[in-house]
Protein backbone atom coordinates (compact mmCIF):
# COMPACT_ATOMS: atom_id res chain seq x y z
CA MET A 1 0.12 -0.23 0.11
CA ASP A 2 1.36 3.43 -0.41
CA LEU A 3 0.18 6.17 1.99
CA LYS A 4 2.01 8.98 0.06
CA LEU A 5 4.25 9.25 3.13
CA ARG A 6 7.84 9.88 1.44
CA GLY A 7 9.09 13.03 2.48
CA LYS A 8 7.00 13.18 5.41
CA SER A 9 8.49 13.30 9.06
CA ALA A 10 6.60 11.73 11.96
CA LEU A 11 6.96 11.40 15.68
CA VAL A 12 5.96 8.97 17.54
CA SER A 13 6.08 8.59 21.26
CA GLY A 14 6.26 5.40 23.42
CA SER A 15 7.77 3.70 20.13
CA THR A 16 10.20 1.11 21.60
CA ALA A 17 8.60 -1.31 21.90
CA GLY A 18 4.54 -2.72 21.14
CA ILE A 19 2.27 -0.75 19.65
CA GLY A 20 4.16 2.41 19.30
CA PHE A 21 6.99 0.62 17.64
CA ALA A 22 4.78 -1.28 15.01
CA ILE A 23 3.58 2.60 14.08
CA ALA A 24 6.85 3.83 14.08
CA GLN A 25 7.86 0.44 12.01
CA ASN A 26 5.04 0.53 9.70
CA LEU A 27 5.21 4.51 9.15
CA ALA A 28 9.33 4.07 7.83
CA GLN A 29 7.84 0.91 5.34
CA GLU A 30 5.81 3.50 4.01
CA GLY A 31 8.80 6.03 3.31
CA ALA A 32 8.31 8.72 6.26
CA SER A 33 11.16 10.08 8.10
CA VAL A 34 10.44 8.44 11.80
CA THR A 35 11.91 9.74 15.02
CA ILE A 36 11.60 6.79 17.66
CA ALA A 37 10.98 8.74 21.15
CA GLY A 38 11.36 6.43 24.19
CA ARG A 39 13.30 6.61 28.00
CA SER A 40 15.86 4.50 27.79
CA GLU A 41 18.91 4.82 25.24
CA GLN A 42 19.31 1.14 24.80
CA ARG A 43 15.71 0.59 24.01
CA VAL A 44 15.44 3.46 21.49
CA ALA A 45 18.79 2.10 19.75
CA GLU A 46 16.99 -1.57 19.55
CA ALA A 47 14.14 -0.04 17.91
CA ILE A 48 15.99 1.85 15.70
CA ASP A 49 18.24 -1.44 14.91
CA LYS A 50 15.38 -3.65 14.21
CA ILE A 51 13.72 -0.66 11.91
CA LYS A 52 16.66 -0.60 10.03
CA GLN A 53 17.02 -4.40 10.16
CA SER A 54 13.69 -4.68 8.33
CA ASN A 55 14.10 -1.67 6.18
CA PRO A 56 17.60 -0.54 5.42
CA GLU A 57 16.52 1.99 3.54
CA ALA A 58 14.42 3.68 6.39
CA GLN A 59 14.80 7.22 7.77
CA VAL A 60 15.13 6.64 11.23
CA SER A 61 16.13 8.44 14.42
CA GLY A 62 15.71 8.91 18.12
CA ILE A 63 15.67 11.15 20.96
CA VAL A 64 15.91 9.57 24.57
CA ALA A 65 13.40 11.56 26.73
CA ASP A 66 10.71 11.08 29.54
CA LEU A 67 8.17 12.78 27.77
CA ALA A 68 6.12 12.49 31.03
CA THR A 69 7.80 15.18 32.64
CA LYS A 70 8.24 18.99 31.47
CA ALA A 71 11.79 18.64 30.84
CA GLY A 72 11.29 15.48 28.64
CA ALA A 73 9.18 17.15 26.43
CA GLU A 74 11.04 20.36 26.43
CA GLN A 75 13.85 18.37 25.43
CA VAL A 76 12.13 17.13 22.19
CA LEU A 77 10.60 20.42 21.11
CA GLN A 78 14.25 21.42 21.09
CA GLN A 79 15.39 18.47 19.11
CA VAL A 80 12.72 18.25 16.57
CA SER A 81 11.89 21.27 14.82
CA SER A 82 9.09 20.30 12.81
CA ILE A 83 6.86 17.28 12.29
CA ASP A 84 4.36 16.38 9.65
CA ILE A 85 2.87 13.58 11.28
CA LEU A 86 2.46 12.95 15.43
CA VAL A 87 1.55 9.59 17.14
CA ASN A 88 1.03 10.30 20.87
CA ASN A 89 1.47 6.64 21.95
CA LEU A 90 2.74 7.61 25.51
CA GLY A 91 0.54 6.12 28.46
CA ILE A 92 1.16 7.82 31.85
CA TYR A 93 -0.82 5.59 34.44
CA GLU A 94 -1.13 3.79 37.82
CA PRO A 95 -2.81 0.27 38.14
CA LYS A 96 -6.08 0.96 39.92
CA PRO A 97 -9.65 0.20 39.81
CA PHE A 98 -11.64 2.21 37.28
CA ALA A 99 -13.82 4.34 39.58
CA GLU A 100 -10.71 5.72 41.18
CA ILE A 101 -9.04 6.98 38.07
CA THR A 102 -9.32 10.85 38.45
CA PRO A 103 -8.07 12.93 35.17
CA ASN A 104 -4.66 14.37 34.81
CA LEU A 105 -5.90 18.26 33.97
């Protein structure tokens, strides 16, 4: 499938594993230049390597930052000048019964 993403840039948060990684991998396969964002340098590097193994021509880079913090979000803003596609896959939660969950406003 050609989603006409060649030449587009994408930032995917929470993209070192799981759904976020799969989204980043598919965006790269469609020709987008993808930035992986994660909290661990090792996991970001591993995600980049996996994408490049399956698609050696993929344009993929990484940012190590905790986007759940103001400092992490500012770091990403400083390193990424512009993007065409944002996938906010970041989840911040603590396990508790549904009725006890309060919104983070």
